[in-house]
Protein backbone atom coordinates (compact mmCIF):
# COMPACT_ATOMS: atom_id res chain seq x y z
CA UNK A 1 -3.00 -4.96 -23.73
CA UNK A 2 -2.54 -8.20 -21.77
CA UNK A 3 1.17 -8.25 -22.42
CA UNK A 4 1.60 -4.96 -20.76
CA UNK A 5 0.13 -5.86 -17.49
CA UNK A 6 2.45 -6.60 -14.41
CA UNK A 7 3.28 -10.31 -14.26
CA UNK A 8 1.79 -11.71 -11.13
CA UNK A 9 4.95 -13.63 -10.38
CA UNK A 10 7.03 -10.45 -10.57
CA UNK A 11 4.46 -8.63 -8.28
CA UNK A 12 4.73 -11.37 -5.83
CA UNK A 13 8.38 -11.34 -5.96
CA UNK A 14 8.67 -7.61 -5.29
CA UNK A 15 6.23 -7.83 -2.39
CA UNK A 16 8.27 -10.74 -0.91
CA UNK A 17 11.44 -8.57 -1.11
CA UNK A 18 9.56 -5.83 0.75
CA UNK A 19 8.53 -8.07 3.27
CA UNK A 20 11.81 -9.60 3.94
CA UNK A 21 13.90 -6.39 3.82
CA UNK A 22 11.91 -3.51 5.03
CA UNK A 23 15.09 -1.74 6.09
CA UNK A 24 16.22 -1.64 2.48
CA UNK A 25 12.92 -0.24 1.34
CA UNK A 26 13.34 2.46 4.04
CA UNK A 27 16.96 3.23 3.13
CA UNK A 28 15.70 3.81 -0.57
CA UNK A 29 12.86 5.95 0.65
CA UNK A 30 14.85 8.08 2.96
CA UNK A 31 16.07 10.80 0.30
CA UNK A 32 12.60 11.30 -1.00
CA UNK A 33 11.21 11.57 2.57
CA UNK A 34 13.91 14.00 3.40
CA UNK A 35 13.08 16.14 0.42
CA UNK A 36 9.41 16.05 1.09
CA UNK A 37 10.32 17.14 4.82
CA UNK A 38 12.30 19.87 3.65
CA UNK A 39 9.65 21.25 1.08
CA UNK A 40 7.14 20.91 3.95
CA UNK A 41 9.31 22.92 6.50
CA UNK A 42 10.17 25.66 3.77
CA UNK A 43 7.12 26.03 1.73
CA UNK A 44 4.21 24.16 3.73
CA UNK A 45 2.10 21.17 3.69
CA UNK A 46 0.34 22.01 0.38
CA UNK A 47 3.49 22.21 -1.66
CA UNK A 48 4.76 19.03 0.06
CA UNK A 49 1.56 17.20 -0.97
CA UNK A 50 1.74 18.54 -4.44
CA UNK A 51 5.37 17.26 -4.62
CA UNK A 52 4.53 13.84 -3.29
CA UNK A 53 1.79 13.49 -6.03
CA UNK A 54 4.21 14.53 -8.70
CA UNK A 55 6.82 11.97 -7.43
CA UNK A 56 4.36 9.23 -7.37
CA UNK A 57 3.16 10.00 -10.97
CA UNK A 58 6.60 10.31 -12.22
CA UNK A 59 7.50 6.96 -10.68
CA UNK A 60 4.42 5.44 -12.23
CA UNK A 61 5.13 6.91 -15.57
CA UNK A 62 8.77 5.72 -15.51
CA UNK A 63 7.72 2.09 -14.57
CA UNK A 64 5.06 2.12 -17.58
CA UNK A 65 7.43 3.63 -19.92
CA UNK A 66 10.17 1.20 -19.14
CA UNK A 67 7.78 -1.79 -19.53
CA UNK A 68 6.48 -0.80 -22.87
């Protein structure tokens, strides 16, 4: 299982990019935030929270599947 863990050097590099380019991270997150805002406005906070959890789980699954 040790081979499937996130490499510390890659994790540090990703954090460095986030620290150096917060505008780029915000630009990438805007579509997701817009969808969450629209769902919140149309269906309510509960459904927006459910959608946020689904998005986080799907993103995590995509990362895990790609690494394996």
